[in-house]
Amino acid sequence: MKKFLLLGILMISVVSFSEILTGSFVSKIHQISGEVSLETTGKEITISNFTYDGNGKNVYLILTKDGDFKDMKVISKELKKGYVNETFTLKVNNLQKLIDEGYNTVSVYTKTNKSSFGDAVLSEAQ
């Protein structure tokens, strides 16, 4: 009986609980807007109503810890065109691990100028 109880406790502790995180882009330049959402136990980030004028160079979507570019993780291909209210999904390996490590901001980032055009800070959905 003790073995079954111990096994049950172990199984409960291994099960992770999922949260929905969301955020809205705050534009700095290039008309960035849109909403970001993800499930913490999933492998995808959904960006909806995304707008970007396409006028930057060497631009990517990245994940950061509080907007610090030192340990950024690139999560998209280069954004080479403009977008108007488009929705797309990005597959991100180890997404749950990245969230657990403190990656909480999605940014539209230019590698050329090493700066962000707009950021969406993720928080628990209300």
C-alpha atoms as a PDB file:
ATOM      1  CA  MET A   1       0.000   0.000   0.000  1.00  0.00           C
ATOM      2  CA  LYS A   2       2.829   2.397   0.829  1.00  0.00           C
ATOM      3  CA  LYS A   3       4.343   1.824  -2.613  1.00  0.00           C
ATOM      4  CA  PHE A   4       1.101   2.818  -4.340  1.00  0.00           C
ATOM      5  CA  LEU A   5       0.695   5.911  -2.161  1.00  0.00           C
ATOM      6  CA  LEU A   6       4.276   6.986  -2.831  1.00  0.00           C
ATOM      7  CA  LEU A   7       3.841   6.385  -6.565  1.00  0.00           C
ATOM      8  CA  GLY A   8       0.614   8.454  -6.544  1.00  0.00           C
ATOM      9  CA  ILE A   9       2.329  11.354  -4.782  1.00  0.00           C
ATOM     10  CA  LEU A  10       5.230  11.211  -7.241  1.00  0.00           C
ATOM     11  CA  MET A  11       2.868  11.240 -10.226  1.00  0.00           C
ATOM     12  CA  ILE A  12       0.974  14.251  -8.870  1.00  0.00           C
ATOM     13  CA  SER A  13       4.198  16.170  -8.309  1.00  0.00           C
ATOM     14  CA  VAL A  14       5.382  15.500 -11.891  1.00  0.00           C
ATOM     15  CA  VAL A  15       2.194  16.831 -13.474  1.00  0.00           C
ATOM     16  CA  SER A  16       2.719  20.469 -14.429  1.00  0.00           C
ATOM     17  CA  PHE A  17      -0.042  22.995 -14.332  1.00  0.00           C
ATOM     18  CA  SER A  18      -0.688  25.083 -17.397  1.00  0.00           C
ATOM     19  CA  GLU A  19      -1.207  28.829 -17.393  1.00  0.00           C
ATOM     20  CA  ILE A  20      -2.205  31.140 -20.206  1.00  0.00           C
ATOM     21  CA  LEU A  21       0.123  34.124 -20.589  1.00  0.00           C
ATOM     22  CA  THR A  22      -0.852  37.145 -22.679  1.00  0.00           C
ATOM     23  CA  GLY A  23       0.525  40.550 -23.576  1.00  0.00           C
ATOM     24  CA  SER A  24      -0.007  43.420 -25.998  1.00  0.00           C
ATOM     25  CA  PHE A  25       2.735  45.069 -27.995  1.00  0.00           C
ATOM     26  CA  VAL A  26       3.659  48.600 -26.958  1.00  0.00           C
ATOM     27  CA  SER A  27       5.035  50.308 -30.051  1.00  0.00           C
ATOM     28  CA  LYS A  28       8.219  52.343 -30.038  1.00  0.00           C
ATOM     29  CA  ILE A  29       8.570  52.724 -33.819  1.00  0.00           C
ATOM     30  CA  HIS A  30       7.385  51.152 -37.130  1.00  0.00           C
ATOM     31  CA  GLN A  31       3.683  50.933 -36.127  1.00  0.00           C
ATOM     32  CA  ILE A  32       4.077  47.752 -34.066  1.00  0.00           C
ATOM     33  CA  SER A  33       0.846  46.408 -32.564  1.00  0.00           C
ATOM     34  CA  GLY A  34      -0.782  43.092 -31.770  1.00  0.00           C
ATOM     35  CA  GLU A  35      -1.474  40.594 -29.011  1.00  0.00           C
ATOM     36  CA  VAL A  36       0.623  37.657 -27.837  1.00  0.00           C
ATOM     37  CA  SER A  37      -0.648  34.533 -26.075  1.00  0.00           C
ATOM     38  CA  LEU A  38       0.772  31.182 -25.076  1.00  0.00           C
ATOM     39  CA  GLU A  39       0.046  28.220 -22.862  1.00  0.00           C
ATOM     40  CA  THR A  40       2.986  27.610 -20.525  1.00  0.00           C
ATOM     41  CA  THR A  41       2.954  23.845 -21.076  1.00  0.00           C
ATOM     42  CA  GLY A  42       2.643  24.234 -24.849  1.00  0.00           C
ATOM     43  CA  LYS A  43       5.167  24.716 -27.624  1.00  0.00           C
ATOM     44  CA  GLU A  44       3.570  27.597 -29.519  1.00  0.00           C
ATOM     45  CA  ILE A  45       3.237  31.340 -29.243  1.00  0.00           C
ATOM     46  CA  THR A  46       0.272  32.906 -31.036  1.00  0.00           C
ATOM     47  CA  ILE A  47       0.516  36.480 -32.246  1.00  0.00           C
ATOM     48  CA  SER A  48      -2.765  37.983 -33.386  1.00  0.00           C
ATOM     49  CA  ASN A  49      -3.673  41.276 -35.043  1.00  0.00           C
ATOM     50  CA  PHE A  50       0.045  41.833 -35.674  1.00  0.00           C
ATOM     51  CA  THR A  51       0.966  45.022 -37.499  1.00  0.00           C
ATOM     52  CA  TYR A  52       4.464  46.114 -38.545  1.00  0.00           C
ATOM     53  CA  ASP A  53       5.257  48.505 -41.392  1.00  0.00           C
ATOM     54  CA  GLY A  54       8.136  46.339 -42.703  1.00  0.00           C
ATOM     55  CA  ASN A  55      10.610  49.216 -42.902  1.00  0.00           C
ATOM     56  CA  GLY A  56      13.253  47.845 -40.531  1.00  0.00           C
ATOM     57  CA  LYS A  57      16.325  45.804 -41.412  1.00  0.00           C
ATOM     58  CA  ASN A  58      17.380  42.490 -39.919  1.00  0.00           C
ATOM     59  CA  VAL A  59      14.186  42.274 -37.800  1.00  0.00           C
ATOM     60  CA  TYR A  60      13.089  39.237 -35.748  1.00  0.00           C
ATOM     61  CA  LEU A  61      10.668  38.285 -33.001  1.00  0.00           C
ATOM     62  CA  ILE A  62      12.596  37.420 -29.861  1.00  0.00           C
ATOM     63  CA  LEU A  63      12.000  36.334 -26.254  1.00  0.00           C
ATOM     64  CA  THR A  64      13.819  38.173 -23.463  1.00  0.00           C
ATOM     65  CA  LYS A  65      13.939  38.357 -19.700  1.00  0.00           C
ATOM     66  CA  ASP A  66      12.353  41.726 -18.886  1.00  0.00           C
ATOM     67  CA  GLY A  67      13.529  43.226 -22.194  1.00  0.00           C
ATOM     68  CA  ASP A  68      17.223  42.459 -21.582  1.00  0.00           C
ATOM     69  CA  PHE A  69      18.719  41.570 -24.975  1.00  0.00           C
ATOM     70  CA  LYS A  70      21.821  39.926 -23.483  1.00  0.00           C
ATOM     71  CA  ASP A  71      20.197  36.462 -23.319  1.00  0.00           C
ATOM     72  CA  MET A  72      17.592  36.877 -26.060  1.00  0.00           C
ATOM     73  CA  LYS A  73      16.130  33.875 -27.893  1.00  0.00           C
ATOM     74  CA  VAL A  74      15.193  34.401 -31.553  1.00  0.00           C
ATOM     75  CA  ILE A  75      11.787  32.765 -32.188  1.00  0.00           C
ATOM     76  CA  SER A  76      11.016  33.748 -35.796  1.00  0.00           C
ATOM     77  CA  LYS A  77      12.489  33.984 -39.237  1.00  0.00           C
ATOM     78  CA  GLU A  78      13.494  37.440 -40.392  1.00  0.00           C
ATOM     79  CA  LEU A  79      10.508  39.771 -40.847  1.00  0.00           C
ATOM     80  CA  LYS A  80      11.163  41.005 -44.379  1.00  0.00           C
ATOM     81  CA  LYS A  81       7.755  42.497 -45.158  1.00  0.00           C
ATOM     82  CA  GLY A  82       4.975  44.509 -43.620  1.00  0.00           C
ATOM     83  CA  TYR A  83       2.013  42.985 -41.768  1.00  0.00           C
ATOM     84  CA  VAL A  84      -1.453  44.407 -41.179  1.00  0.00           C
ATOM     85  CA  ASN A  85      -3.619  42.711 -38.525  1.00  0.00           C
ATOM     86  CA  GLU A  86      -2.183  39.259 -39.307  1.00  0.00           C
ATOM     87  CA  THR A  87      -2.286  36.214 -37.039  1.00  0.00           C
ATOM     88  CA  PHE A  88       0.375  33.528 -36.921  1.00  0.00           C
ATOM     89  CA  THR A  89       1.766  30.847 -34.649  1.00  0.00           C
ATOM     90  CA  LEU A  90       5.418  30.314 -33.799  1.00  0.00           C
ATOM     91  CA  LYS A  91       6.711  26.934 -32.656  1.00  0.00           C
ATOM     92  CA  VAL A  92       9.252  27.376 -29.852  1.00  0.00           C
ATOM     93  CA  ASN A  93      11.374  24.497 -28.593  1.00  0.00           C
ATOM     94  CA  ASN A  94      11.622  24.313 -24.802  1.00  0.00           C
ATOM     95  CA  LEU A  95       8.994  27.052 -24.368  1.00  0.00           C
ATOM     96  CA  GLN A  96       7.994  25.897 -20.880  1.00  0.00           C
ATOM     97  CA  LYS A  97      11.654  25.831 -19.793  1.00  0.00           C
ATOM     98  CA  LEU A  98      12.218  29.338 -21.184  1.00  0.00           C
ATOM     99  CA  ILE A  99       9.154  30.668 -19.341  1.00  0.00           C
ATOM    100  CA  ASP A 100      10.336  28.946 -16.134  1.00  0.00           C
ATOM    101  CA  GLU A 101      13.759  30.605 -16.605  1.00  0.00           C
ATOM    102  CA  GLY A 102      12.129  34.054 -16.672  1.00  0.00           C
ATOM    103  CA  TYR A 103      11.658  34.788 -20.376  1.00  0.00           C
ATOM    104  CA  ASN A 104       8.590  37.010 -20.195  1.00  0.00           C
ATOM    105  CA  THR A 105       8.789  39.538 -23.033  1.00  0.00           C
ATOM    106  CA  VAL A 106       8.260  39.177 -26.780  1.00  0.00           C
ATOM    107  CA  SER A 107       9.986  41.910 -28.778  1.00  0.00           C
ATOM    108  CA  VAL A 108      10.193  42.969 -32.414  1.00  0.00           C
ATOM    109  CA  TYR A 109      13.971  43.341 -32.507  1.00  0.00           C
ATOM    110  CA  THR A 110      16.426  44.677 -35.071  1.00  0.00           C
ATOM    111  CA  LYS A 111      19.835  43.009 -34.975  1.00  0.00           C
ATOM    112  CA  THR A 112      21.217  45.852 -37.100  1.00  0.00           C
ATOM    113  CA  ASN A 113      20.519  48.534 -34.481  1.00  0.00           C
ATOM    114  CA  LYS A 114      20.382  46.177 -31.480  1.00  0.00           C
ATOM    115  CA  SER A 115      17.088  47.649 -30.310  1.00  0.00           C
ATOM    116  CA  SER A 116      13.390  46.880 -30.056  1.00  0.00           C
ATOM    117  CA  PHE A 117      10.632  48.346 -32.219  1.00  0.00           C
ATOM    118  CA  GLY A 118       7.986  47.200 -29.718  1.00  0.00           C
ATOM    119  CA  ASP A 119       7.536  44.853 -26.754  1.00  0.00           C
ATOM    120  CA  ALA A 120       4.793  42.694 -25.278  1.00  0.00           C
ATOM    121  CA  VAL A 121       5.288  41.811 -21.609  1.00  0.00           C
ATOM    122  CA  LEU A 122       3.583  38.511 -20.793  1.00  0.00           C
ATOM    123  CA  SER A 123       1.440  38.012 -17.704  1.00  0.00           C
ATOM    124  CA  GLU A 124      -1.266  35.618 -16.542  1.00  0.00           C
ATOM    125  CA  ALA A 125      -4.509  36.005 -18.452  1.00  0.00           C
ATOM    126  CA  GLN A 126      -7.215  37.655 -16.360  1.00  0.00           C
END
